């Protein structure tokens, strides 16, 4: 996906959330829309199928960016 990536875990500051600092080198894929999860989707009958289809589409897009990462 990304040429070189470093992750720094930052201190928590008065919250139960922990911040991350990502430093990347090399190409970063640009997708038109990030995936967002909404809890009410789980109530839909076709929820699982929709998620599976989106995962397949995402893997295909990532393979276009870096085919050797999936082999």
Protein backbone atom coordinates (compact mmCIF):
# COMPACT_ATOMS: atom_id res chain seq x y z
CA UNK A 1 0.00 0.00 0.00
CA UNK A 2 2.52 2.57 1.13
CA UNK A 3 6.24 2.56 0.37
CA UNK A 4 7.44 3.05 3.95
CA UNK A 5 5.38 3.82 7.03
CA UNK A 6 6.26 4.61 10.64
CA UNK A 7 3.73 4.76 13.49
CA UNK A 8 4.27 6.73 16.69
CA UNK A 9 1.89 6.10 19.58
CA UNK A 10 1.24 9.36 21.41
CA UNK A 11 0.28 9.81 25.06
CA UNK A 12 -3.33 9.91 26.15
CA UNK A 13 -4.39 13.33 27.36
CA UNK A 14 -7.46 13.25 29.59
CA UNK A 15 -9.37 10.89 27.31
CA UNK A 16 -9.69 7.18 26.69
CA UNK A 17 -8.56 7.80 23.09
CA UNK A 18 -4.93 7.27 22.11
CA UNK A 19 -3.53 9.33 19.25
CA UNK A 20 -1.33 7.94 16.48
CA UNK A 21 1.09 9.84 14.31
CA UNK A 22 1.69 8.25 10.88
CA UNK A 23 4.67 9.17 8.73
CA UNK A 24 4.61 7.79 5.20
CA UNK A 25 7.10 7.80 2.36
CA UNK A 26 6.22 6.78 -1.15
CA UNK A 27 2.89 6.67 -2.94
CA UNK A 28 -0.28 6.79 -0.87
CA UNK A 29 -3.40 5.48 -2.61
CA UNK A 30 -6.16 8.04 -3.05
CA UNK A 31 -9.63 6.56 -2.79
CA UNK A 32 -12.69 8.60 -3.62
CA UNK A 33 -14.58 7.77 -0.39
CA UNK A 34 -13.39 6.28 2.88
CA UNK A 35 -15.44 3.45 4.35
CA UNK A 36 -17.74 4.58 7.15
CA UNK A 37 -19.62 2.21 9.45
CA UNK A 38 -23.08 3.08 10.69
CA UNK A 39 -24.49 0.84 13.41
CA UNK A 40 -28.02 0.73 11.97
CA UNK A 41 -26.68 -1.08 8.87
CA UNK A 42 -26.41 -4.27 10.93
CA UNK A 43 -30.22 -4.35 11.08
CA UNK A 44 -30.46 -4.78 7.30
CA UNK A 45 -30.94 -8.30 5.91
CA UNK A 46 -28.21 -7.87 3.27
CA UNK A 47 -25.64 -6.27 5.61
CA UNK A 48 -23.12 -9.14 5.43
CA UNK A 49 -23.30 -9.38 1.64
CA UNK A 50 -22.79 -5.64 1.15
CA UNK A 51 -19.71 -5.69 3.41
CA UNK A 52 -18.25 -8.70 1.56
CA UNK A 53 -18.72 -6.93 -1.79
CA UNK A 54 -17.03 -3.78 -0.51
CA UNK A 55 -14.07 -5.75 0.86
CA UNK A 56 -13.61 -7.46 -2.52
CA UNK A 57 -13.74 -4.08 -4.29
CA UNK A 58 -11.18 -2.61 -1.89
CA UNK A 59 -8.80 -5.56 -2.36
CA UNK A 60 -9.07 -5.14 -6.13
CA UNK A 61 -8.21 -1.44 -5.85
CA UNK A 62 -5.23 -2.16 -3.57
CA UNK A 63 -3.98 -4.82 -5.98
CA UNK A 64 -3.97 -2.22 -8.78
CA UNK A 65 -1.74 0.02 -6.63
CA UNK A 66 0.70 -2.69 -5.47
CA UNK A 67 0.15 -6.13 -7.06
CA UNK A 68 3.17 -7.73 -5.35
CA UNK A 69 1.79 -7.02 -1.85
CA UNK A 70 -0.95 -9.61 -2.38
CA UNK A 71 1.21 -12.37 -3.89
